[in-house]
Each structure stands twice: as C-alpha cells, then as structure tokens.
Protein backbone atom coordinates (compact mmCIF):
# COMPACT_ATOMS: atom_id res chain seq x y z
CA MET A 1 108.79 197.95 -17.67
CA ALA A 2 108.52 196.82 -14.27
CA GLN A 3 107.91 193.12 -13.60
CA VAL A 4 105.30 192.25 -10.96
CA SER A 5 106.42 189.34 -8.68
CA ASN A 6 104.18 186.32 -7.89
CA ASP A 7 104.33 187.28 -4.22
CA ALA A 8 102.63 190.57 -4.80
CA MET A 9 99.75 188.83 -6.83
CA GLU A 10 98.98 186.45 -3.86
CA ARG A 11 96.39 187.70 -1.45
CA LYS A 12 97.32 186.11 2.10
CA PRO A 13 94.89 186.91 5.30
CA LYS A 14 96.22 189.67 7.18
CA ILE A 15 97.26 188.51 10.75
CA LYS A 16 97.58 191.08 13.48
CA LYS A 17 100.69 190.70 15.63
CA ASP A 18 99.67 192.41 18.75
CA GLY A 19 101.39 189.79 20.99
CA VAL A 20 99.84 188.44 24.19
CA LYS A 21 98.33 191.58 25.63
CA PRO A 22 94.80 191.29 23.89
CA HIS A 23 94.39 187.85 24.96
CA ILE A 24 95.56 188.70 28.48
CA VAL A 25 92.98 191.56 28.58
CA THR A 26 90.23 189.68 27.30
CA PHE A 27 90.69 186.61 29.67
CA ILE A 28 90.56 189.18 32.68
CA ALA A 29 87.31 190.95 31.24
CA SER A 30 85.89 187.48 30.78
CA ILE A 31 86.59 186.44 34.30
CA ILE A 32 85.38 190.03 35.55
CA LEU A 33 82.15 189.42 33.54
CA THR A 34 81.59 186.24 34.97
CA ILE A 35 82.07 187.56 38.60
CA ILE A 36 79.78 190.38 37.98
CA ALA A 37 77.23 187.66 36.74
CA PHE A 38 77.72 185.61 39.79
CA MET A 39 77.49 188.60 42.10
CA ALA A 40 74.36 189.82 40.52
CA THR A 41 72.33 186.45 41.22
CA ALA A 42 74.17 185.55 44.63
CA TYR A 43 73.51 188.79 46.48
CA GLU A 44 70.42 189.70 44.43
CA VAL A 45 71.85 192.89 43.45
CA ILE A 46 69.63 193.44 40.56
CA PRO A 47 65.66 192.95 40.26
CA ALA A 48 64.58 189.45 39.87
CA GLY A 49 62.90 190.34 36.44
CA PHE A 50 66.17 191.65 35.01
CA THR A 51 68.39 188.93 36.19
CA VAL A 52 68.04 186.64 33.10
CA PRO A 53 68.36 189.43 30.47
CA PHE A 54 71.35 190.93 32.27
CA ILE A 55 73.08 187.61 32.52
CA ILE A 56 72.28 186.97 28.58
CA ILE A 57 73.57 190.39 27.90
CA LEU A 58 76.95 189.83 29.87
CA ALA A 59 76.92 186.43 28.01
CA ILE A 60 76.83 188.18 24.65
CA VAL A 61 79.49 190.47 25.43
CA GLN A 62 81.78 187.64 26.70
CA ALA A 63 81.15 185.49 23.56
CA ALA A 64 81.71 188.67 21.49
CA PHE A 65 85.37 189.01 23.28
CA GLN A 66 85.93 185.40 22.58
CA LEU A 67 85.23 185.46 19.03
CA LEU A 68 87.19 188.55 18.25
CA VAL A 69 90.44 187.67 20.22
CA TRP A 70 90.69 184.06 20.87
CA MET A 71 88.99 182.85 17.46
CA HIS A 72 90.46 185.75 15.45
CA MET A 73 87.18 186.61 13.73
CA ASP A 74 88.29 190.33 13.46
CA GLN A 75 90.85 189.33 10.84
CA LYS A 76 90.57 188.99 7.10
CA GLY A 77 90.09 185.45 5.59
CA HIS A 78 87.32 184.49 8.01
CA GLU A 79 84.38 185.16 5.98
CA PHE A 80 83.06 181.62 5.78
CA ALA A 81 83.10 181.15 9.44
CA ARG A 82 81.35 184.65 10.21
CA VAL A 83 78.55 183.48 7.70
CA GLY A 84 78.13 180.26 9.64
CA ILE A 85 78.06 182.06 12.98
CA VAL A 86 75.55 184.61 11.87
CA THR A 87 73.38 181.91 10.36
CA GLY A 88 73.70 179.75 13.41
CA SER A 89 72.78 182.74 15.58
CA ALA A 90 69.77 183.63 13.40
CA VAL A 91 68.40 179.94 13.58
CA VAL A 92 68.78 179.92 17.50
CA LEU A 93 67.03 183.26 17.70
CA VAL A 94 64.14 182.21 15.63
CA THR A 95 63.94 178.87 17.31
CA ILE A 96 63.91 180.66 20.79
CA ILE A 97 61.18 183.23 19.67
CA ALA A 98 58.97 180.25 18.10
CA PHE A 99 59.24 178.34 21.53
CA VAL A 100 58.52 181.61 23.61
CA THR A 101 55.56 182.54 21.66
CA THR A 102 54.05 179.06 21.39
CA LEU A 103 54.41 178.23 24.96
CA TRP A 104 53.25 181.46 26.42
C-alpha cells in the first residue's frame, strides 16, 4: 500500500508567482485612471451632472485593481478578509443611501 506523506495532507494557500509585471501594469493603470479623473474635472470634458458618478466609477475600478494585485485578494486563503471587505462595503453603502434619502 502507498503511504501518504504529511506534506500532501496539509493545505497551503496557493500563491501566484507572476513576478513584477502585474504590479507594474496595475500601477500604470492606477496612474492613468487618476489622470483621466483629473482631466475630466479640470477641463470639464464630461457633463457636470455625470462628473461625480464618473469619478466614483473610476475609484471603484482602481480599488478593485489594488485589492486584487497589491493586496492579493485573488488568491486562496483570504476568505476572512474578503468577508470583512464585503461587509464593510455593505455598511458604507447602506449608510450613504440612508443619508442621501433623509437629507434630500
């Protein structure tokens, strides 16, 4: 009968070893998103009513980049952190909706 080693029984988080390339691409993408947001507001390229939603959309995209690449949320073993981020985001969203509906 074949013996199963202890190493095979242990579960370790899988770590991607892609190197530096994803970090550089994400950094450049973040800089480009920041420049787009600045240009959109400084030169009034987009309509005034869509400026804030446009910047919020860019911020969400940039936060997703940073969570996935810089904070490694795309790897296994980060379930607790994911639950905390989703819960915190839900609380923030409910709070914003509550304040907007009560003040307007």
